[in-house]
PDB file of N, CA and C in Angstrom:
ATOM      1  N   MET A   1       0.926  -1.301  -0.341  1.00  0.00           N
ATOM      2  CA  MET A   1      -0.292   0.231  -0.218  1.00  0.00           C
ATOM      3  C   MET A   1       0.807   1.131   0.213  1.00  0.00           C
ATOM      4  N   PRO A   2       0.814   2.289  -0.644  1.00  0.00           N
ATOM      5  CA  PRO A   2       1.505   3.373  -1.169  1.00  0.00           C
ATOM      6  C   PRO A   2       1.710   4.230   0.363  1.00  0.00           C
ATOM      7  N   ALA A   3       2.497   4.801   0.619  1.00  0.00           N
ATOM      8  CA  ALA A   3       2.628   5.631   2.018  1.00  0.00           C
ATOM      9  C   ALA A   3       2.009   6.473   2.511  1.00  0.00           C
ATOM     10  N   ALA A   4       1.511   6.994   1.238  1.00  0.00           N
ATOM     11  CA  ALA A   4       0.375   8.138   1.530  1.00  0.00           C
ATOM     12  C   ALA A   4      -0.868   7.816   1.966  1.00  0.00           C
ATOM     13  N   VAL A   5      -1.455   6.527   1.394  1.00  0.00           N
ATOM     14  CA  VAL A   5      -2.634   5.507   1.745  1.00  0.00           C
ATOM     15  C   VAL A   5      -2.334   5.262   3.206  1.00  0.00           C
ATOM     16  N   ALA A   6      -1.309   4.511   3.569  1.00  0.00           N
ATOM     17  CA  ALA A   6      -1.434   4.344   4.958  1.00  0.00           C
ATOM     18  C   ALA A   6      -0.881   5.506   6.042  1.00  0.00           C
ATOM     19  N   GLU A   7      -0.376   6.992   6.006  1.00  0.00           N
ATOM     20  CA  GLU A   7      -0.517   7.704   6.423  1.00  0.00           C
ATOM     21  C   GLU A   7      -1.634   8.456   6.558  1.00  0.00           C
ATOM     22  N   ARG A   8      -2.741   8.257   5.349  1.00  0.00           N
ATOM     23  CA  ARG A   8      -3.757   8.992   5.684  1.00  0.00           C
ATOM     24  C   ARG A   8      -5.037   8.204   6.656  1.00  0.00           C
ATOM     25  N   MET A   9      -4.858   7.059   6.386  1.00  0.00           N
ATOM     26  CA  MET A   9      -5.360   5.874   7.306  1.00  0.00           C
ATOM     27  C   MET A   9      -5.479   5.705   8.783  1.00  0.00           C
ATOM     28  N   ASP A  10      -4.335   5.848   9.205  1.00  0.00           N
ATOM     29  CA  ASP A  10      -3.558   5.577  10.671  1.00  0.00           C
ATOM     30  C   ASP A  10      -4.126   7.209  10.960  1.00  0.00           C
ATOM     31  N   GLY A  11      -4.474   8.165  10.444  1.00  0.00           N
ATOM     32  CA  GLY A  11      -5.008   9.530  10.801  1.00  0.00           C
ATOM     33  C   GLY A  11      -6.512   9.455  11.370  1.00  0.00           C
ATOM     34  N   LEU A  12      -6.898   8.326  10.919  1.00  0.00           N
ATOM     35  CA  LEU A  12      -8.769   8.476  10.692  1.00  0.00           C
ATOM     36  C   LEU A  12      -9.324   7.881  12.104  1.00  0.00           C
ATOM     37  N   SER A  13     -10.192   8.503  12.261  1.00  0.00           N
ATOM     38  CA  SER A  13     -11.199   7.926  13.568  1.00  0.00           C
ATOM     39  C   SER A  13     -11.698   6.327  13.131  1.00  0.00           C
ATOM     40  N   ALA A  14     -11.767   5.600  14.172  1.00  0.00           N
ATOM     41  CA  ALA A  14     -12.319   4.313  14.057  1.00  0.00           C
ATOM     42  C   ALA A  14     -13.506   4.284  12.959  1.00  0.00           C
ATOM     43  N   SER A  15     -14.260   5.348  13.031  1.00  0.00           N
ATOM     44  CA  SER A  15     -15.569   5.219  12.234  1.00  0.00           C
ATOM     45  C   SER A  15     -15.330   5.799  10.933  1.00  0.00           C
ATOM     46  N   GLU A  16     -14.107   6.182  10.616  1.00  0.00           N
ATOM     47  CA  GLU A  16     -13.847   6.445   9.165  1.00  0.00           C
ATOM     48  C   GLU A  16     -13.041   5.676   8.721  1.00  0.00           C
ATOM     49  N   LEU A  17     -12.045   5.042   9.378  1.00  0.00           N
ATOM     50  CA  LEU A  17     -11.309   3.526   9.157  1.00  0.00           C
ATOM     51  C   LEU A  17     -12.108   2.677   8.306  1.00  0.00           C
ATOM     52  N   LYS A  18     -13.360   2.320   9.399  1.00  0.00           N
ATOM     53  CA  LYS A  18     -14.202   1.258   9.037  1.00  0.00           C
ATOM     54  C   LYS A  18     -15.111   1.666   7.444  1.00  0.00           C
ATOM     55  N   ASP A  19     -15.075   2.933   7.708  1.00  0.00           N
ATOM     56  CA  ASP A  19     -15.961   3.179   6.285  1.00  0.00           C
ATOM     57  C   ASP A  19     -15.125   3.218   5.101  1.00  0.00           C
ATOM     58  N   ASP A  20     -13.820   3.461   5.304  1.00  0.00           N
ATOM     59  CA  ASP A  20     -12.886   3.325   4.371  1.00  0.00           C
ATOM     60  C   ASP A  20     -12.225   2.109   3.679  1.00  0.00           C
ATOM     61  N   LEU A  21     -12.199   0.908   4.886  1.00  0.00           N
ATOM     62  CA  LEU A  21     -11.966  -0.240   4.408  1.00  0.00           C
ATOM     63  C   LEU A  21     -13.048  -1.190   3.926  1.00  0.00           C
ATOM     64  N   ARG A  22     -14.332  -0.750   4.089  1.00  0.00           N
ATOM     65  CA  ARG A  22     -15.277  -1.231   3.627  1.00  0.00           C
ATOM     66  C   ARG A  22     -15.361  -1.193   2.285  1.00  0.00           C
ATOM     67  N   ILE A  23     -15.391   0.229   2.004  1.00  0.00           N
ATOM     68  CA  ILE A  23     -15.374   0.779   0.646  1.00  0.00           C
ATOM     69  C   ILE A  23     -14.177  -0.058  -0.279  1.00  0.00           C
ATOM     70  N   LEU A  24     -12.705  -0.240   0.466  1.00  0.00           N
ATOM     71  CA  LEU A  24     -12.078  -0.729  -0.443  1.00  0.00           C
ATOM     72  C   LEU A  24     -12.188  -2.185  -0.463  1.00  0.00           C
ATOM     73  N   ALA A  25     -12.648  -2.961   0.488  1.00  0.00           N
ATOM     74  CA  ALA A  25     -12.923  -4.489   0.355  1.00  0.00           C
ATOM     75  C   ALA A  25     -13.985  -4.721  -0.684  1.00  0.00           C
ATOM     76  N   GLN A  26     -14.840  -3.327  -0.756  1.00  0.00           N
ATOM     77  CA  GLN A  26     -16.083  -4.050  -2.018  1.00  0.00           C
ATOM     78  C   GLN A  26     -15.125  -3.876  -3.080  1.00  0.00           C
ATOM     79  N   ALA A  27     -14.258  -2.537  -3.451  1.00  0.00           N
ATOM     80  CA  ALA A  27     -13.430  -2.750  -4.616  1.00  0.00           C
ATOM     81  C   ALA A  27     -12.592  -3.429  -5.163  1.00  0.00           C
ATOM     82  N   ILE A  28     -12.090  -4.117  -4.072  1.00  0.00           N
ATOM     83  CA  ILE A  28     -10.845  -5.772  -4.102  1.00  0.00           C
ATOM     84  C   ILE A  28     -11.790  -6.430  -4.513  1.00  0.00           C
ATOM     85  N   GLY A  29     -13.228  -6.843  -4.028  1.00  0.00           N
ATOM     86  CA  GLY A  29     -14.225  -7.604  -4.180  1.00  0.00           C
ATOM     87  C   GLY A  29     -14.482  -7.663  -5.987  1.00  0.00           C
ATOM     88  N   ARG A  30     -14.876  -6.737  -6.227  1.00  0.00           N
ATOM     89  CA  ARG A  30     -15.172  -6.354  -7.590  1.00  0.00           C
ATOM     90  C   ARG A  30     -13.888  -6.106  -8.846  1.00  0.00           C
ATOM     91  N   SER A  31     -12.959  -5.635  -8.250  1.00  0.00           N
ATOM     92  CA  SER A  31     -11.537  -5.624  -9.282  1.00  0.00           C
ATOM     93  C   SER A  31     -10.597  -6.319  -8.748  1.00  0.00           C
ATOM     94  N   GLY A  32     -10.278  -7.179  -7.655  1.00  0.00           N
ATOM     95  CA  GLY A  32      -9.055  -7.683  -7.473  1.00  0.00           C
ATOM     96  C   GLY A  32      -7.883  -6.494  -6.688  1.00  0.00           C
ATOM     97  N   VAL A  33      -7.225  -7.218  -5.930  1.00  0.00           N
ATOM     98  CA  VAL A  33      -6.386  -6.478  -5.485  1.00  0.00           C
ATOM     99  C   VAL A  33      -5.323  -5.574  -5.947  1.00  0.00           C
ATOM    100  N   GLU A  34      -4.624  -6.575  -6.792  1.00  0.00           N
ATOM    101  CA  GLU A  34      -3.758  -5.943  -7.868  1.00  0.00           C
ATOM    102  C   GLU A  34      -4.413  -4.647  -8.261  1.00  0.00           C
ATOM    103  N   ALA A  35      -5.341  -4.409  -9.148  1.00  0.00           N
ATOM    104  CA  ALA A  35      -6.072  -3.693  -9.577  1.00  0.00           C
ATOM    105  C   ALA A  35      -6.136  -2.379  -8.483  1.00  0.00           C
ATOM    106  N   VAL A  36      -6.696  -2.571  -7.454  1.00  0.00           N
ATOM    107  CA  VAL A  36      -6.662  -1.631  -6.532  1.00  0.00           C
ATOM    108  C   VAL A  36      -5.927  -0.921  -5.781  1.00  0.00           C
ATOM    109  N   PHE A  37      -4.784  -1.847  -5.645  1.00  0.00           N
ATOM    110  CA  PHE A  37      -2.962  -1.202  -5.066  1.00  0.00           C
ATOM    111  C   PHE A  37      -3.090  -0.236  -6.543  1.00  0.00           C
ATOM    112  N   ASP A  38      -2.986  -0.820  -7.942  1.00  0.00           N
ATOM    113  CA  ASP A  38      -2.473  -0.062  -8.723  1.00  0.00           C
ATOM    114  C   ASP A  38      -3.374   1.765  -8.987  1.00  0.00           C
ATOM    115  N   ALA A  39      -4.704   1.268  -8.532  1.00  0.00           N
ATOM    116  CA  ALA A  39      -5.245   2.242  -8.581  1.00  0.00           C
ATOM    117  C   ALA A  39      -4.590   3.432  -7.341  1.00  0.00           C
ATOM    118  N   LEU A  40      -4.684   3.052  -6.244  1.00  0.00           N
ATOM    119  CA  LEU A  40      -3.935   3.532  -4.900  1.00  0.00           C
ATOM    120  C   LEU A  40      -2.899   4.359  -5.387  1.00  0.00           C
ATOM    121  N   ASP A  41      -1.844   3.443  -5.992  1.00  0.00           N
ATOM    122  CA  ASP A  41      -0.590   4.203  -6.507  1.00  0.00           C
ATOM    123  C   ASP A  41      -0.709   5.481  -7.211  1.00  0.00           C
ATOM    124  N   VAL A  42      -1.851   4.996  -8.064  1.00  0.00           N
ATOM    125  CA  VAL A  42      -1.772   6.060  -9.509  1.00  0.00           C
ATOM    126  C   VAL A  42      -2.094   7.613  -8.634  1.00  0.00           C
ATOM    127  N   LEU A  43      -3.666   7.383  -7.623  1.00  0.00           N
ATOM    128  CA  LEU A  43      -4.061   8.309  -7.280  1.00  0.00           C
ATOM    129  C   LEU A  43      -3.413   8.954  -6.125  1.00  0.00           C
ATOM    130  N   ALA A  44      -2.606   8.214  -5.393  1.00  0.00           N
ATOM    131  CA  ALA A  44      -1.562   8.707  -4.583  1.00  0.00           C
ATOM    132  C   ALA A  44      -0.463   9.672  -4.741  1.00  0.00           C
ATOM    133  N   SER A  45      -0.041   9.184  -6.161  1.00  0.00           N
ATOM    134  CA  SER A  45       1.105   9.857  -6.900  1.00  0.00           C
ATOM    135  C   SER A  45       0.366  11.265  -7.831  1.00  0.00           C
ATOM    136  N   GLU A  46      -0.569  11.147  -8.070  1.00  0.00           N
ATOM    137  CA  GLU A  46      -0.892  12.178  -8.979  1.00  0.00           C
ATOM    138  C   GLU A  46      -1.729  13.398  -8.091  1.00  0.00           C
ATOM    139  N   ARG A  47      -2.231  13.191  -6.824  1.00  0.00           N
ATOM    140  CA  ARG A  47      -2.702  14.084  -5.940  1.00  0.00           C
ATOM    141  C   ARG A  47      -2.275  14.457  -4.786  1.00  0.00           C
ATOM    142  N   GLU A  48      -2.151  15.411  -4.109  1.00  0.00           N
ATOM    143  CA  GLU A  48      -1.504  15.852  -2.896  1.00  0.00           C
ATOM    144  C   GLU A  48      -2.816  15.296  -1.721  1.00  0.00           C
ATOM    145  N   ASP A  49      -3.822  16.047  -2.134  1.00  0.00           N
ATOM    146  CA  ASP A  49      -4.863  15.372  -1.079  1.00  0.00           C
ATOM    147  C   ASP A  49      -5.411  14.053  -1.759  1.00  0.00           C
ATOM    148  N   PHE A  50      -5.087  13.263  -0.799  1.00  0.00           N
ATOM    149  CA  PHE A  50      -5.432  11.616  -1.367  1.00  0.00           C
ATOM    150  C   PHE A  50      -7.019  11.829  -1.426  1.00  0.00           C
ATOM    151  N   PRO A  51      -6.957  11.161  -2.810  1.00  0.00           N
ATOM    152  CA  PRO A  51      -8.664  11.225  -3.289  1.00  0.00           C
ATOM    153  C   PRO A  51      -9.611  10.032  -2.352  1.00  0.00           C
ATOM    154  N   ASP A  52     -10.767  10.235  -2.001  1.00  0.00           N
ATOM    155  CA  ASP A  52     -11.700   9.382  -1.635  1.00  0.00           C
ATOM    156  C   ASP A  52     -11.620   8.019  -2.183  1.00  0.00           C
ATOM    157  N   PHE A  53     -11.930   6.911  -1.029  1.00  0.00           N
ATOM    158  CA  PHE A  53     -11.839   5.642  -1.849  1.00  0.00           C
ATOM    159  C   PHE A  53     -12.881   5.286  -3.054  1.00  0.00           C
ATOM    160  N   PHE A  54     -13.950   5.971  -3.290  1.00  0.00           N
ATOM    161  CA  PHE A  54     -14.835   5.905  -4.091  1.00  0.00           C
ATOM    162  C   PHE A  54     -14.171   6.010  -5.450  1.00  0.00           C
ATOM    163  N   GLN A  55     -13.102   7.271  -5.747  1.00  0.00           N
ATOM    164  CA  GLN A  55     -12.628   7.256  -6.390  1.00  0.00           C
ATOM    165  C   GLN A  55     -11.862   6.051  -7.048  1.00  0.00           C
ATOM    166  N   VAL A  56     -10.905   5.660  -5.987  1.00  0.00           N
ATOM    167  CA  VAL A  56      -9.922   3.950  -5.701  1.00  0.00           C
ATOM    168  C   VAL A  56     -10.851   2.977  -6.833  1.00  0.00           C
ATOM    169  N   GLY A  57     -12.115   2.837  -6.149  1.00  0.00           N
ATOM    170  CA  GLY A  57     -13.191   1.820  -6.608  1.00  0.00           C
ATOM    171  C   GLY A  57     -13.307   1.914  -8.418  1.00  0.00           C
ATOM    172  N   VAL A  58     -13.504   3.106  -8.602  1.00  0.00           N
ATOM    173  CA  VAL A  58     -13.724   3.490 -10.411  1.00  0.00           C
ATOM    174  C   VAL A  58     -12.455   3.205 -11.092  1.00  0.00           C
ATOM    175  N   LEU A  59     -11.477   3.747 -10.450  1.00  0.00           N
ATOM    176  CA  LEU A  59     -10.247   3.363 -11.380  1.00  0.00           C
ATOM    177  C   LEU A  59      -9.799   2.157 -11.281  1.00  0.00           C
ATOM    178  N   ALA A  60      -9.767   1.354 -10.184  1.00  0.00           N
ATOM    179  CA  ALA A  60      -9.251  -0.014 -10.419  1.00  0.00           C
ATOM    180  C   ALA A  60     -10.570  -1.105 -11.020  1.00  0.00           C
ATOM    181  N   ALA A  61     -11.574  -0.340 -11.302  1.00  0.00           N
ATOM    182  CA  ALA A  61     -12.426  -1.075 -12.521  1.00  0.00           C
ATOM    183  C   ALA A  61     -12.090  -0.807 -13.644  1.00  0.00           C
ATOM    184  N   ARG A  62     -11.650   0.351 -13.969  1.00  0.00           N
ATOM    185  CA  ARG A  62     -10.943   0.676 -14.946  1.00  0.00           C
ATOM    186  C   ARG A  62      -9.988  -0.263 -15.467  1.00  0.00           C
ATOM    187  N   ILE A  63      -9.018   0.014 -14.845  1.00  0.00           N
ATOM    188  CA  ILE A  63      -7.968  -1.112 -14.404  1.00  0.00           C
ATOM    189  C   ILE A  63      -7.894  -2.467 -15.117  1.00  0.00           C
ATOM    190  N   ALA A  64      -8.884  -3.316 -14.072  1.00  0.00           N
ATOM    191  CA  ALA A  64      -9.223  -4.553 -14.121  1.00  0.00           C
ATOM    192  C   ALA A  64      -9.968  -4.706 -15.774  1.00  0.00           C
ATOM    193  N   GLY A  65     -10.548  -3.615 -15.903  1.00  0.00           N
ATOM    194  CA  GLY A  65     -11.433  -4.071 -17.346  1.00  0.00           C
ATOM    195  C   GLY A  65     -10.917  -3.549 -18.540  1.00  0.00           C
ATOM    196  N   PHE A  66     -10.122  -2.751 -18.529  1.00  0.00           N
ATOM    197  CA  PHE A  66      -9.643  -1.954 -19.869  1.00  0.00           C
ATOM    198  C   PHE A  66      -8.114  -1.891 -19.858  1.00  0.00           C
ATOM    199  N   GLY A  67      -7.631  -1.446 -18.400  1.00  0.00           N
ATOM    200  CA  GLY A  67      -6.271  -0.445 -18.271  1.00  0.00           C
ATOM    201  C   GLY A  67      -5.969   0.353 -18.723  1.00  0.00           C
ATOM    202  N   LEU A  68      -5.414   1.310 -18.397  1.00  0.00           N
ATOM    203  CA  LEU A  68      -4.993   2.807 -18.025  1.00  0.00           C
ATOM    204  C   LEU A  68      -5.049   3.423 -19.576  1.00  0.00           C
ATOM    205  N   THR A  69      -4.666   2.295 -20.588  1.00  0.00           N
ATOM    206  CA  THR A  69      -4.063   3.120 -21.890  1.00  0.00           C
ATOM    207  C   THR A  69      -4.678   2.739 -22.691  1.00  0.00           C
ATOM    208  N   THR A  70      -6.099   1.820 -22.688  1.00  0.00           N
ATOM    209  CA  THR A  70      -6.911   1.708 -23.560  1.00  0.00           C
ATOM    210  C   THR A  70      -7.924   3.149 -23.807  1.00  0.00           C
ATOM    211  N   ALA A  71      -8.100   3.230 -25.049  1.00  0.00           N
ATOM    212  CA  ALA A  71      -9.002   4.576 -24.911  1.00  0.00           C
ATOM    213  C   ALA A  71     -10.375   3.766 -25.019  1.00  0.00           C
ATOM    214  N   PRO A  72     -11.265   5.232 -24.548  1.00  0.00           N
ATOM    215  CA  PRO A  72     -12.582   4.659 -24.591  1.00  0.00           C
ATOM    216  C   PRO A  72     -13.419   4.788 -25.913  1.00  0.00           C
ATOM    217  N   GLU A  73     -14.359   3.987 -25.965  1.00  0.00           N
ATOM    218  CA  GLU A  73     -15.271   3.394 -26.750  1.00  0.00           C
ATOM    219  C   GLU A  73     -15.800   4.898 -27.133  1.00  0.00           C
ATOM    220  N   PRO A  74     -16.328   5.363 -28.829  1.00  0.00           N
ATOM    221  CA  PRO A  74     -16.824   6.614 -28.808  1.00  0.00           C
ATOM    222  C   PRO A  74     -18.475   6.423 -28.470  1.00  0.00           C
ATOM    223  N   GLY A  75     -19.284   5.273 -28.099  1.00  0.00           N
ATOM    224  CA  GLY A  75     -20.151   5.640 -27.735  1.00  0.00           C
ATOM    225  C   GLY A  75     -21.366   6.133 -28.936  1.00  0.00           C
ATOM    226  N   GLY A  76     -22.664   5.950 -28.266  1.00  0.00           N
ATOM    227  CA  GLY A  76     -23.661   6.724 -29.253  1.00  0.00           C
ATOM    228  C   GLY A  76     -23.516   7.962 -29.359  1.00  0.00           C
ATOM    229  N   ASP A  77     -24.751   8.299 -29.881  1.00  0.00           N
ATOM    230  CA  ASP A  77     -24.550  10.251 -30.812  1.00  0.00           C
ATOM    231  C   ASP A  77     -25.521  10.786 -29.349  1.00  0.00           C
ATOM    232  N   LEU A  78     -25.419  11.797 -28.529  1.00  0.00           N
ATOM    233  CA  LEU A  78     -26.359  11.932 -27.533  1.00  0.00           C
ATOM    234  C   LEU A  78     -26.495  13.155 -27.798  1.00  0.00           C
ATOM    235  N   GLY A  79     -26.756  13.766 -29.005  1.00  0.00           N
ATOM    236  CA  GLY A  79     -26.638  15.068 -29.567  1.00  0.00           C
ATOM    237  C   GLY A  79     -28.297  15.534 -29.067  1.00  0.00           C
ATOM    238  N   VAL A  80     -29.410  14.446 -29.572  1.00  0.00           N
ATOM    239  CA  VAL A  80     -30.167  14.875 -29.264  1.00  0.00           C
ATOM    240  C   VAL A  80     -30.926  14.982 -27.605  1.00  0.00           C
ATOM    241  N   TYR A  81     -30.077  14.628 -26.789  1.00  0.00           N
ATOM    242  CA  TYR A  81     -30.349  14.692 -25.466  1.00  0.00           C
ATOM    243  C   TYR A  81     -29.615  16.170 -24.833  1.00  0.00           C
ATOM    244  N   ASP A  82     -28.483  16.706 -25.608  1.00  0.00           N
ATOM    245  CA  ASP A  82     -28.114  17.624 -25.266  1.00  0.00           C
ATOM    246  C   ASP A  82     -28.784  19.087 -25.964  1.00  0.00           C
ATOM    247  N   GLU A  83     -29.884  18.745 -27.214  1.00  0.00           N
ATOM    248  CA  GLU A  83     -30.677  19.697 -27.665  1.00  0.00           C
ATOM    249  C   GLU A  83     -32.007  19.804 -26.806  1.00  0.00           C
ATOM    250  N   ILE A  84     -32.557  18.839 -26.130  1.00  0.00           N
ATOM    251  CA  ILE A  84     -33.482  18.588 -24.910  1.00  0.00           C
ATOM    252  C   ILE A  84     -33.299  18.913 -24.016  1.00  0.00           C
ATOM    253  N   PHE A  85     -31.924  19.164 -23.362  1.00  0.00           N
ATOM    254  CA  PHE A  85     -32.199  19.172 -22.015  1.00  0.00           C
ATOM    255  C   PHE A  85     -31.224  20.196 -21.850  1.00  0.00           C
ATOM    256  N   LEU A  86     -30.144  20.767 -22.148  1.00  0.00           N
ATOM    257  CA  LEU A  86     -29.312  21.835 -22.315  1.00  0.00           C
ATOM    258  C   LEU A  86     -29.669  23.361 -22.986  1.00  0.00           C
ATOM    259  N   ALA A  87     -30.391  22.940 -24.424  1.00  0.00           N
ATOM    260  CA  ALA A  87     -30.683  24.113 -24.998  1.00  0.00           C
ATOM    261  C   ALA A  87     -31.852  24.291 -24.756  1.00  0.00           C
ATOM    262  N   GLY A  88     -32.485  23.725 -24.098  1.00  0.00           N
ATOM    263  CA  GLY A  88     -33.862  23.886 -23.244  1.00  0.00           C
ATOM    264  C   GLY A  88     -35.221  24.097 -24.341  1.00  0.00           C
ATOM    265  N   GLY A  89     -34.576  22.996 -25.484  1.00  0.00           N
ATOM    266  CA  GLY A  89     -36.011  22.618 -26.447  1.00  0.00           C
ATOM    267  C   GLY A  89     -36.883  21.468 -25.794  1.00  0.00           C
ATOM    268  N   GLY A  90     -37.743  21.138 -26.167  1.00  0.00           N
ATOM    269  CA  GLY A  90     -38.569  19.718 -26.042  1.00  0.00           C
ATOM    270  C   GLY A  90     -39.260  20.097 -25.106  1.00  0.00           C
ATOM    271  N   ALA A  91     -39.440  21.485 -24.745  1.00  0.00           N
ATOM    272  CA  ALA A  91     -40.316  21.680 -23.499  1.00  0.00           C
ATOM    273  C   ALA A  91     -41.771  21.613 -23.713  1.00  0.00           C
ATOM    274  N   GLY A  92     -42.234  21.442 -25.116  1.00  0.00           N
ATOM    275  CA  GLY A  92     -43.763  21.130 -25.924  1.00  0.00           C
ATOM    276  C   GLY A  92     -43.598  19.370 -26.071  1.00  0.00           C
ATOM    277  N   ARG A  93     -42.683  18.499 -26.010  1.00  0.00           N
ATOM    278  CA  ARG A  93     -42.519  17.602 -26.264  1.00  0.00           C
ATOM    279  C   ARG A  93     -42.930  16.343 -25.084  1.00  0.00           C
TER     280      ARG A  93
END
């Protein structure tokens, strides 16, 4: 575990530590220990204020599923939703 993570966890109250460990355990259950520890390394090295463990879970899922270097798929065209919800169109629809 990165030193920044251990230091952060050492300073938590018992209830905060319990919550963070529960979130980490869930992330490990979904993505595996290696992906979670890789995510911890990445986020701890990129941020001075260590991110919350929800961010770790999301990044770990990406690492386990696609890797960090895989470009995202383009997905569908959501322009119609932009038109309706962002441009104020569709009030009478």
